[in-house]
Amino acid sequence: MRIDKIGFGGGCHWCTEAIFQSLRGVIKVEQGWISAEGTEDFHEAVILHFNPGFISLKELIEVHLYTHNSTSNHSMRRKYRSAVYTFNKLQQKDSANILRLLEKDFKDLLITRVYGFKEFRMSPESFQNYYHKNPEKPFCKTYIDPKLQMILRRFPKNVIGTTLNPLKTGKEQKIKE
């Protein structure tokens, strides 16, 4: 079994972690802060380890674009960079091509950019698996549940059914950023 990895940043890493932990083919999600080549800044992000035989890079990027505000250069972008962090030149080229291909599906231009991965700092243990440890907390109900409901609706073939069963009966909420 081949395992690839890719990094994503866009919104709170608690949200991003929960989203990607819910997808078939994602083996492991590391939550923390990523620095890109050529910079010293770190941004909230996750690193995914995935089996491309179960989920493609295109599908992962598409989920990423739809689960954070990928067209808005809002005031929190210094903390929440909309990014795909790649681990080699081929992945960087493929990711850029996928973004160009998917941009036509959005009303506004994507601000998401592709960066070469430089360094990763893991979140403290108390923040790891935040949603799964705290599903009833207000933050999870307000921000994470609506995103999980959206992927269940928009990407049903990619979702691990058992991880989102409680949401299937829940009332849909508007996605908040």
N, C-alpha and C. Protein backbone atom coordinates (compact mmCIF):
# COMPACT_ATOMS: atom_id res chain seq x y z
N MET A 1 0.86 -1.18 0.00
CA MET A 1 0.00 0.00 0.00
C MET A 1 0.90 1.23 0.00
N ARG A 2 0.66 2.11 -0.96
CA ARG A 2 1.41 3.36 -1.06
C ARG A 2 0.74 4.41 -0.19
N ILE A 3 1.54 5.15 0.56
CA ILE A 3 1.04 6.24 1.39
C ILE A 3 1.74 7.52 0.95
N ASP A 4 0.95 8.55 0.64
CA ASP A 4 1.47 9.88 0.31
C ASP A 4 1.11 10.82 1.45
N LYS A 5 1.73 11.99 1.44
CA LYS A 5 1.32 13.01 2.41
C LYS A 5 1.24 14.36 1.73
N ILE A 6 0.37 15.19 2.30
CA ILE A 6 0.10 16.55 1.81
C ILE A 6 -0.31 17.39 3.00
N GLY A 7 -0.05 18.68 2.95
CA GLY A 7 -0.46 19.58 4.03
C GLY A 7 -1.55 20.52 3.55
N PHE A 8 -2.46 20.87 4.47
CA PHE A 8 -3.53 21.82 4.16
C PHE A 8 -3.67 22.82 5.29
N GLY A 9 -3.84 24.07 4.92
CA GLY A 9 -4.16 25.12 5.87
C GLY A 9 -5.27 25.96 5.29
N GLY A 10 -6.11 26.49 6.16
CA GLY A 10 -7.20 27.33 5.65
C GLY A 10 -8.02 27.91 6.76
N GLY A 11 -8.36 27.10 7.70
CA GLY A 11 -9.15 27.53 8.85
C GLY A 11 -8.52 26.94 10.09
N CYS A 12 -9.28 26.91 11.13
CA CYS A 12 -8.82 26.35 12.39
C CYS A 12 -8.38 24.91 12.19
N HIS A 13 -7.24 24.54 12.76
CA HIS A 13 -6.78 23.16 12.55
C HIS A 13 -7.65 22.14 13.27
N TRP A 14 -8.45 22.54 14.25
CA TRP A 14 -9.41 21.61 14.86
C TRP A 14 -10.44 21.19 13.81
N CYS A 15 -10.92 22.18 13.05
CA CYS A 15 -11.90 21.88 11.99
C CYS A 15 -11.27 21.03 10.90
N THR A 16 -10.11 21.46 10.43
CA THR A 16 -9.45 20.78 9.33
C THR A 16 -9.12 19.33 9.70
N GLU A 17 -8.65 19.13 10.93
CA GLU A 17 -8.34 17.78 11.40
C GLU A 17 -9.59 16.90 11.37
N ALA A 18 -10.69 17.38 11.91
CA ALA A 18 -11.94 16.60 11.97
C ALA A 18 -12.45 16.25 10.57
N ILE A 19 -12.37 17.18 9.66
CA ILE A 19 -12.83 16.94 8.29
C ILE A 19 -12.05 15.80 7.66
N PHE A 20 -10.73 15.88 7.70
CA PHE A 20 -9.92 14.88 7.01
C PHE A 20 -9.87 13.55 7.76
N GLN A 21 -10.08 13.55 9.07
CA GLN A 21 -10.18 12.28 9.80
C GLN A 21 -11.42 11.51 9.39
N SER A 22 -12.36 12.18 8.76
CA SER A 22 -13.64 11.56 8.38
C SER A 22 -13.63 10.99 6.97
N LEU A 23 -12.51 11.04 6.29
CA LEU A 23 -12.46 10.61 4.89
C LEU A 23 -11.80 9.24 4.72
N ARG A 24 -12.41 8.44 3.84
CA ARG A 24 -11.83 7.15 3.46
C ARG A 24 -10.48 7.39 2.80
N GLY A 25 -9.53 6.56 3.12
CA GLY A 25 -8.22 6.66 2.50
C GLY A 25 -7.25 7.56 3.24
N VAL A 26 -7.75 8.36 4.18
CA VAL A 26 -6.85 9.17 5.00
C VAL A 26 -6.44 8.30 6.18
N ILE A 27 -5.16 8.02 6.26
CA ILE A 27 -4.62 7.10 7.25
C ILE A 27 -4.35 7.80 8.58
N LYS A 28 -3.83 9.02 8.49
CA LYS A 28 -3.41 9.75 9.69
C LYS A 28 -3.49 11.25 9.41
N VAL A 29 -3.89 12.02 10.42
CA VAL A 29 -3.92 13.48 10.32
C VAL A 29 -3.10 14.03 11.48
N GLU A 30 -2.09 14.83 11.14
CA GLU A 30 -1.27 15.49 12.15
C GLU A 30 -1.69 16.96 12.19
N GLN A 31 -1.97 17.44 13.37
CA GLN A 31 -2.48 18.80 13.54
C GLN A 31 -1.40 19.68 14.16
N GLY A 32 -1.23 20.88 13.61
CA GLY A 32 -0.23 21.79 14.17
C GLY A 32 -0.05 23.03 13.33
N TRP A 33 1.20 23.40 13.13
CA TRP A 33 1.56 24.60 12.38
C TRP A 33 2.61 24.24 11.34
N ILE A 34 2.44 24.77 10.12
CA ILE A 34 3.36 24.50 9.03
C ILE A 34 4.02 25.79 8.59
N SER A 35 5.30 25.66 8.26
CA SER A 35 6.07 26.73 7.65
C SER A 35 6.39 26.31 6.23
N ALA A 36 6.30 27.26 5.30
CA ALA A 36 6.56 26.98 3.89
C ALA A 36 7.99 27.36 3.53
N GLU A 37 8.48 26.75 2.47
CA GLU A 37 9.81 27.10 1.97
C GLU A 37 9.88 28.60 1.71
N GLY A 38 11.00 29.20 2.09
CA GLY A 38 11.21 30.62 1.84
C GLY A 38 10.61 31.54 2.89
N THR A 39 9.99 30.99 3.94
CA THR A 39 9.41 31.83 4.99
C THR A 39 9.80 31.30 6.36
N GLU A 40 9.65 32.12 7.35
CA GLU A 40 9.85 31.72 8.74
C GLU A 40 8.53 31.61 9.47
N ASP A 41 7.44 32.13 8.87
CA ASP A 41 6.12 32.13 9.50
C ASP A 41 5.55 30.72 9.58
N PHE A 42 4.76 30.49 10.63
CA PHE A 42 4.02 29.24 10.77
C PHE A 42 2.53 29.55 10.76
N HIS A 43 1.75 28.68 10.15
CA HIS A 43 0.31 28.84 10.04
C HIS A 43 -0.39 27.56 10.49
N GLU A 44 -1.57 27.70 11.10
CA GLU A 44 -2.33 26.52 11.50
C GLU A 44 -2.59 25.66 10.28
N ALA A 45 -2.36 24.36 10.44
CA ALA A 45 -2.50 23.45 9.30
C ALA A 45 -2.49 22.01 9.78
N VAL A 46 -2.71 21.12 8.84
CA VAL A 46 -2.63 19.68 9.10
C VAL A 46 -1.78 19.03 8.02
N ILE A 47 -1.19 17.90 8.37
CA ILE A 47 -0.53 17.04 7.39
C ILE A 47 -1.33 15.75 7.32
N LEU A 48 -1.72 15.38 6.12
CA LEU A 48 -2.46 14.15 5.90
C LEU A 48 -1.54 13.08 5.35
N HIS A 49 -1.70 11.88 5.84
CA HIS A 49 -1.07 10.70 5.27
C HIS A 49 -2.24 9.93 4.64
N PHE A 50 -2.16 9.68 3.34
CA PHE A 50 -3.32 9.10 2.65
C PHE A 50 -2.91 8.05 1.64
N ASN A 51 -3.85 7.19 1.35
CA ASN A 51 -3.67 6.15 0.35
C ASN A 51 -4.30 6.65 -0.95
N PRO A 52 -3.49 7.00 -1.95
CA PRO A 52 -4.05 7.53 -3.20
C PRO A 52 -4.87 6.50 -3.98
N GLY A 53 -4.82 5.24 -3.58
CA GLY A 53 -5.68 4.22 -4.19
C GLY A 53 -7.12 4.33 -3.72
N PHE A 54 -7.34 5.01 -2.58
CA PHE A 54 -8.69 5.19 -2.04
C PHE A 54 -9.21 6.61 -2.23
N ILE A 55 -8.31 7.58 -2.17
CA ILE A 55 -8.72 8.97 -2.34
C ILE A 55 -7.61 9.71 -3.08
N SER A 56 -8.00 10.44 -4.10
CA SER A 56 -7.01 11.12 -4.94
C SER A 56 -6.62 12.48 -4.37
N LEU A 57 -5.51 12.99 -4.84
CA LEU A 57 -5.08 14.33 -4.47
C LEU A 57 -6.15 15.35 -4.89
N LYS A 58 -6.74 15.15 -6.05
CA LYS A 58 -7.80 16.05 -6.53
C LYS A 58 -8.98 16.06 -5.56
N GLU A 59 -9.40 14.88 -5.10
CA GLU A 59 -10.53 14.81 -4.16
C GLU A 59 -10.19 15.49 -2.84
N LEU A 60 -8.97 15.30 -2.35
CA LEU A 60 -8.55 15.95 -1.10
C LEU A 60 -8.54 17.46 -1.24
N ILE A 61 -8.00 17.95 -2.34
CA ILE A 61 -7.96 19.41 -2.55
C ILE A 61 -9.38 19.96 -2.70
N GLU A 62 -10.24 19.25 -3.38
CA GLU A 62 -11.62 19.70 -3.53
C GLU A 62 -12.33 19.79 -2.17
N VAL A 63 -12.17 18.77 -1.34
CA VAL A 63 -12.75 18.81 0.01
C VAL A 63 -12.18 20.01 0.76
N HIS A 64 -10.89 20.21 0.66
CA HIS A 64 -10.24 21.34 1.34
C HIS A 64 -10.85 22.68 0.91
N LEU A 65 -11.01 22.87 -0.39
CA LEU A 65 -11.53 24.14 -0.90
C LEU A 65 -12.95 24.42 -0.43
N TYR A 66 -13.76 23.38 -0.32
CA TYR A 66 -15.16 23.57 0.07
C TYR A 66 -15.37 23.62 1.59
N THR A 67 -14.35 23.32 2.37
CA THR A 67 -14.55 23.29 3.83
C THR A 67 -13.86 24.45 4.55
N HIS A 68 -13.38 25.40 3.81
CA HIS A 68 -12.93 26.65 4.41
C HIS A 68 -13.19 27.76 3.39
N ASN A 69 -13.08 28.98 3.80
CA ASN A 69 -13.39 30.10 2.91
C ASN A 69 -12.21 30.34 1.98
N SER A 70 -12.13 29.56 0.93
CA SER A 70 -10.97 29.55 0.03
C SER A 70 -10.97 30.70 -0.99
N THR A 71 -11.97 31.56 -0.93
CA THR A 71 -12.03 32.71 -1.85
C THR A 71 -11.98 34.04 -1.11
N SER A 72 -11.80 34.01 0.20
CA SER A 72 -11.83 35.25 0.98
C SER A 72 -10.48 35.52 1.63
N ASN A 73 -9.97 36.72 1.40
CA ASN A 73 -8.72 37.14 2.03
C ASN A 73 -9.05 37.91 3.30
N HIS A 74 -9.77 37.25 4.22
CA HIS A 74 -10.27 37.90 5.44
C HIS A 74 -9.14 38.25 6.42
N SER A 75 -9.50 38.92 7.49
CA SER A 75 -8.54 39.47 8.44
C SER A 75 -7.74 38.42 9.20
N MET A 76 -8.18 37.16 9.22
CA MET A 76 -7.47 36.11 9.97
C MET A 76 -6.49 35.32 9.09
N ARG A 77 -6.24 35.76 7.87
CA ARG A 77 -5.38 35.00 6.96
C ARG A 77 -3.93 34.90 7.44
N ARG A 78 -3.46 35.80 8.28
CA ARG A 78 -2.08 35.65 8.80
C ARG A 78 -1.97 34.38 9.64
N LYS A 79 -3.04 34.04 10.33
CA LYS A 79 -3.06 32.83 11.15
C LYS A 79 -3.53 31.63 10.33
N TYR A 80 -4.54 31.86 9.48
CA TYR A 80 -5.17 30.79 8.72
C TYR A 80 -4.90 30.96 7.22
N ARG A 81 -3.68 30.69 6.80
CA ARG A 81 -3.33 30.79 5.38
C ARG A 81 -4.08 29.72 4.59
N SER A 82 -4.68 30.10 3.47
CA SER A 82 -5.35 29.15 2.60
C SER A 82 -4.28 28.52 1.70
N ALA A 83 -3.91 27.27 2.03
CA ALA A 83 -2.72 26.70 1.40
C ALA A 83 -2.80 25.20 1.21
N VAL A 84 -2.04 24.77 0.20
CA VAL A 84 -1.71 23.37 0.00
C VAL A 84 -0.19 23.30 0.14
N TYR A 85 0.28 22.48 1.08
CA TYR A 85 1.72 22.34 1.32
C TYR A 85 2.19 21.01 0.72
N THR A 86 3.11 21.10 -0.24
CA THR A 86 3.53 19.92 -0.98
C THR A 86 4.90 19.44 -0.52
N PHE A 87 5.16 18.16 -0.79
CA PHE A 87 6.39 17.52 -0.32
C PHE A 87 7.36 17.17 -1.44
N ASN A 88 7.00 17.47 -2.70
CA ASN A 88 7.93 17.28 -3.82
C ASN A 88 7.45 18.11 -5.01
N LYS A 89 8.30 18.22 -6.01
CA LYS A 89 8.01 19.08 -7.17
C LYS A 89 6.82 18.57 -7.99
N LEU A 90 6.68 17.25 -8.15
CA LEU A 90 5.56 16.71 -8.91
C LEU A 90 4.24 17.01 -8.20
N GLN A 91 4.21 16.81 -6.90
CA GLN A 91 3.01 17.11 -6.11
C GLN A 91 2.68 18.60 -6.19
N GLN A 92 3.71 19.44 -6.19
CA GLN A 92 3.50 20.88 -6.30
C GLN A 92 2.86 21.23 -7.64
N LYS A 93 3.38 20.65 -8.72
CA LYS A 93 2.83 20.89 -10.06
C LYS A 93 1.40 20.37 -10.16
N ASP A 94 1.17 19.14 -9.70
CA ASP A 94 -0.17 18.55 -9.75
C ASP A 94 -1.16 19.38 -8.94
N SER A 95 -0.77 19.84 -7.77
CA SER A 95 -1.66 20.64 -6.91
C SER A 95 -2.03 21.95 -7.58
N ALA A 96 -1.05 22.62 -8.18
CA ALA A 96 -1.33 23.87 -8.89
C ALA A 96 -2.30 23.64 -10.04
N ASN A 97 -2.11 22.56 -10.79
CA ASN A 97 -3.02 22.23 -11.91
C ASN A 97 -4.42 21.93 -11.40
N ILE A 98 -4.53 21.21 -10.29
CA ILE A 98 -5.84 20.89 -9.71
C ILE A 98 -6.55 22.16 -9.26
N LEU A 99 -5.83 23.08 -8.63
CA LEU A 99 -6.45 24.35 -8.23
C LEU A 99 -6.98 25.11 -9.43
N ARG A 100 -6.19 25.15 -10.51
CA ARG A 100 -6.66 25.84 -11.73
C ARG A 100 -7.91 25.17 -12.29
N LEU A 101 -7.94 23.86 -12.29
CA LEU A 101 -9.08 23.10 -12.79
C LEU A 101 -10.34 23.35 -11.95
N LEU A 102 -10.18 23.35 -10.62
CA LEU A 102 -11.34 23.50 -9.73
C LEU A 102 -11.83 24.94 -9.59
N GLU A 103 -10.98 25.90 -9.90
CA GLU A 103 -11.36 27.31 -9.71
C GLU A 103 -12.63 27.68 -10.48
N LYS A 104 -12.86 27.03 -11.60
CA LYS A 104 -14.06 27.33 -12.41
C LYS A 104 -15.35 27.01 -11.67
N ASP A 105 -15.28 26.18 -10.63
CA ASP A 105 -16.46 25.80 -9.86
C ASP A 105 -16.84 26.83 -8.80
N PHE A 106 -16.03 27.87 -8.66
CA PHE A 106 -16.28 28.89 -7.63
C PHE A 106 -16.65 30.22 -8.28
N LYS A 107 -17.54 30.93 -7.63
CA LYS A 107 -17.99 32.23 -8.13
C LYS A 107 -16.84 33.25 -8.09
N ASP A 108 -16.07 33.23 -7.02
CA ASP A 108 -14.95 34.15 -6.85
C ASP A 108 -13.62 33.41 -7.06
N LEU A 109 -12.57 34.18 -7.28
CA LEU A 109 -11.25 33.59 -7.47
C LEU A 109 -10.75 32.94 -6.18
N LEU A 110 -10.09 31.82 -6.33
CA LEU A 110 -9.49 31.16 -5.18
C LEU A 110 -8.27 31.94 -4.72
N ILE A 111 -8.11 32.05 -3.41
CA ILE A 111 -6.89 32.65 -2.87
C ILE A 111 -5.91 31.57 -2.41
N THR A 112 -6.33 30.33 -2.45
CA THR A 112 -5.52 29.19 -2.02
C THR A 112 -4.27 29.10 -2.89
N ARG A 113 -3.12 28.93 -2.25
CA ARG A 113 -1.85 28.86 -2.96
C ARG A 113 -1.13 27.57 -2.60
N VAL A 114 -0.24 27.16 -3.49
CA VAL A 114 0.57 25.97 -3.29
C VAL A 114 1.96 26.42 -2.81
N TYR A 115 2.42 25.79 -1.73
CA TYR A 115 3.73 26.10 -1.15
C TYR A 115 4.51 24.81 -0.95
N GLY A 116 5.82 24.92 -1.04
CA GLY A 116 6.68 23.79 -0.67
C GLY A 116 6.75 23.70 0.85
N PHE A 117 6.63 22.50 1.37
CA PHE A 117 6.68 22.26 2.81
C PHE A 117 8.10 22.50 3.31
N LYS A 118 8.20 23.16 4.48
CA LYS A 118 9.50 23.39 5.10
C LYS A 118 9.60 22.71 6.46
N GLU A 119 8.64 23.01 7.36
CA GLU A 119 8.76 22.52 8.74
C GLU A 119 7.37 22.38 9.36
N PHE A 120 7.27 21.48 10.31
CA PHE A 120 6.00 21.24 11.00
C PHE A 120 6.22 21.23 12.51
N ARG A 121 5.30 21.86 13.23
CA ARG A 121 5.28 21.83 14.69
C ARG A 121 3.93 21.27 15.12
N MET A 122 3.97 20.17 15.83
CA MET A 122 2.75 19.50 16.28
C MET A 122 2.06 20.30 17.38
N SER A 123 0.74 20.28 17.37
CA SER A 123 -0.06 20.88 18.44
C SER A 123 0.16 20.08 19.73
N PRO A 124 -0.09 20.72 20.88
CA PRO A 124 -0.02 19.96 22.14
C PRO A 124 -1.03 18.81 22.14
N GLU A 125 -0.73 17.77 22.87
CA GLU A 125 -1.59 16.58 22.95
C GLU A 125 -3.03 16.94 23.31
N SER A 126 -3.22 17.94 24.17
CA SER A 126 -4.57 18.31 24.59
C SER A 126 -5.44 18.81 23.44
N PHE A 127 -4.82 19.25 22.34
CA PHE A 127 -5.56 19.73 21.17
C PHE A 127 -5.72 18.67 20.09
N GLN A 128 -4.96 17.58 20.17
CA GLN A 128 -5.06 16.52 19.18
C GLN A 128 -6.42 15.83 19.27
N ASN A 129 -6.96 15.47 18.12
CA ASN A 129 -8.28 14.81 18.05
C ASN A 129 -9.35 15.61 18.80
N TYR A 130 -9.28 16.92 18.67
CA TYR A 130 -10.13 17.81 19.45
C TYR A 130 -11.62 17.50 19.27
N TYR A 131 -12.05 17.37 18.03
CA TYR A 131 -13.48 17.12 17.79
C TYR A 131 -13.92 15.79 18.39
N HIS A 132 -13.14 14.77 18.20
CA HIS A 132 -13.53 13.44 18.70
C HIS A 132 -13.53 13.37 20.22
N LYS A 133 -12.71 14.20 20.86
CA LYS A 133 -12.69 14.26 22.32
C LYS A 133 -13.80 15.16 22.88
N ASN A 134 -14.25 16.14 22.07
CA ASN A 134 -15.16 17.19 22.56
C ASN A 134 -16.33 17.47 21.63
N PRO A 135 -17.03 16.47 21.11
CA PRO A 135 -18.06 16.74 20.09
C PRO A 135 -19.22 17.61 20.58
N GLU A 136 -19.45 17.67 21.87
CA GLU A 136 -20.58 18.45 22.40
C GLU A 136 -20.20 19.89 22.76
N LYS A 137 -18.93 20.24 22.67
CA LYS A 137 -18.51 21.60 23.02
C LYS A 137 -19.11 22.59 22.00
N PRO A 138 -19.42 23.80 22.46
CA PRO A 138 -20.03 24.79 21.56
C PRO A 138 -19.22 25.05 20.29
N PHE A 139 -17.89 25.10 20.39
CA PHE A 139 -17.08 25.33 19.19
C PHE A 139 -17.33 24.23 18.16
N CYS A 140 -17.37 22.99 18.62
CA CYS A 140 -17.58 21.86 17.70
C CYS A 140 -18.96 21.92 17.07
N LYS A 141 -19.97 22.21 17.86
CA LYS A 141 -21.34 22.30 17.35
C LYS A 141 -21.50 23.45 16.36
N THR A 142 -20.85 24.57 16.65
CA THR A 142 -21.01 25.77 15.84
C THR A 142 -20.18 25.75 14.56
N TYR A 143 -18.94 25.29 14.65
CA TYR A 143 -18.03 25.40 13.51
C TYR A 143 -17.71 24.09 12.80
N ILE A 144 -17.56 23.01 13.55
CA ILE A 144 -17.13 21.76 12.93
C ILE A 144 -18.31 20.95 12.40
N ASP A 145 -19.37 20.81 13.19
CA ASP A 145 -20.53 20.02 12.74
C ASP A 145 -21.06 20.46 11.36
N PRO A 146 -21.24 21.76 11.12
CA PRO A 146 -21.75 22.15 9.80
C PRO A 146 -20.82 21.74 8.65
N LYS A 147 -19.52 21.79 8.88
CA LYS A 147 -18.57 21.37 7.83
C LYS A 147 -18.65 19.87 7.60
N LEU A 148 -18.79 19.11 8.68
CA LEU A 148 -18.92 17.67 8.54
C LEU A 148 -20.22 17.30 7.85
N GLN A 149 -21.29 18.03 8.15
CA GLN A 149 -22.56 17.79 7.46
C GLN A 149 -22.43 18.08 5.97
N MET A 150 -21.69 19.12 5.63
CA MET A 150 -21.51 19.47 4.23
C MET A 150 -20.72 18.39 3.48
N ILE A 151 -19.65 17.86 4.08
CA ILE A 151 -18.91 16.82 3.35
C ILE A 151 -19.73 15.54 3.24
N LEU A 152 -20.55 15.28 4.23
CA LEU A 152 -21.44 14.12 4.17
C LEU A 152 -22.41 14.25 2.99
N ARG A 153 -22.87 15.46 2.76
CA ARG A 153 -23.81 15.73 1.67
C ARG A 153 -23.11 15.83 0.31
N ARG A 154 -21.98 16.53 0.25
CA ARG A 154 -21.31 16.82 -1.02
C ARG A 154 -20.35 15.72 -1.48
N PHE A 155 -19.74 15.02 -0.52
CA PHE A 155 -18.73 14.01 -0.85
C PHE A 155 -19.07 12.67 -0.18
N PRO A 156 -20.28 12.16 -0.33
CA PRO A 156 -20.70 10.97 0.42
C PRO A 156 -19.84 9.73 0.18
N LYS A 157 -19.33 9.56 -1.04
CA LYS A 157 -18.53 8.36 -1.31
C LYS A 157 -17.18 8.40 -0.61
N ASN A 158 -16.73 9.59 -0.19
CA ASN A 158 -15.43 9.73 0.46
C ASN A 158 -15.50 9.67 1.98
N VAL A 159 -16.70 9.72 2.53
CA VAL A 159 -16.86 9.80 3.98
C VAL A 159 -16.94 8.42 4.60
N ILE A 160 -16.23 8.25 5.71
CA ILE A 160 -16.33 7.02 6.49
C ILE A 160 -17.66 7.11 7.24
N GLY A 161 -18.62 6.28 6.87
CA GLY A 161 -19.97 6.38 7.41
C GLY A 161 -20.06 6.37 8.92
N THR A 162 -19.31 5.51 9.57
CA THR A 162 -19.43 5.38 11.03
C THR A 162 -18.95 6.61 11.78
N THR A 163 -18.03 7.38 11.21
CA THR A 163 -17.52 8.54 11.94
C THR A 163 -18.54 9.67 12.01
N LEU A 164 -19.47 9.70 11.06
CA LEU A 164 -20.42 10.81 11.01
C LEU A 164 -21.86 10.38 11.25
N ASN A 165 -22.09 9.18 11.71
CA ASN A 165 -23.46 8.71 11.94
C ASN A 165 -24.30 9.65 12.78
N PRO A 166 -23.79 10.21 13.89
CA PRO A 166 -24.63 11.13 14.67
C PRO A 166 -25.08 12.35 13.87
N LEU A 167 -24.29 12.77 12.89
CA LEU A 167 -24.63 13.95 12.10
C LEU A 167 -25.71 13.66 11.06
N LYS A 168 -25.83 12.42 10.64
CA LYS A 168 -26.79 12.09 9.59
C LYS A 168 -28.22 12.41 9.99
N THR A 169 -28.49 12.38 11.28
CA THR A 169 -29.84 12.69 11.74
C THR A 169 -29.97 14.13 12.21
N GLY A 170 -28.85 14.82 12.29
CA GLY A 170 -28.87 16.20 12.79
C GLY A 170 -29.39 17.18 11.75
N LYS A 171 -29.87 18.29 12.23
CA LYS A 171 -30.36 19.36 11.37
C LYS A 171 -29.17 20.06 10.72
N GLU A 172 -29.26 20.32 9.43
CA GLU A 172 -28.17 21.00 8.72
C GLU A 172 -28.05 22.43 9.21
N GLN A 173 -26.81 22.87 9.32
CA GLN A 173 -26.53 24.23 9.76
C GLN A 173 -25.72 24.93 8.68
N LYS A 174 -25.73 26.23 8.72
CA LYS A 174 -24.91 27.00 7.79
C LYS A 174 -23.45 26.88 8.20
N ILE A 175 -22.57 26.70 7.23
CA ILE A 175 -21.14 26.60 7.53
C ILE A 175 -20.63 27.96 7.98
N LYS A 176 -19.92 27.97 9.09
CA LYS A 176 -19.33 29.21 9.63
C LYS A 176 -17.84 29.11 9.53
N GLU A 177 -17.19 30.21 9.36
CA GLU A 177 -15.72 30.26 9.26
C GLU A 177 -15.19 30.89 10.52
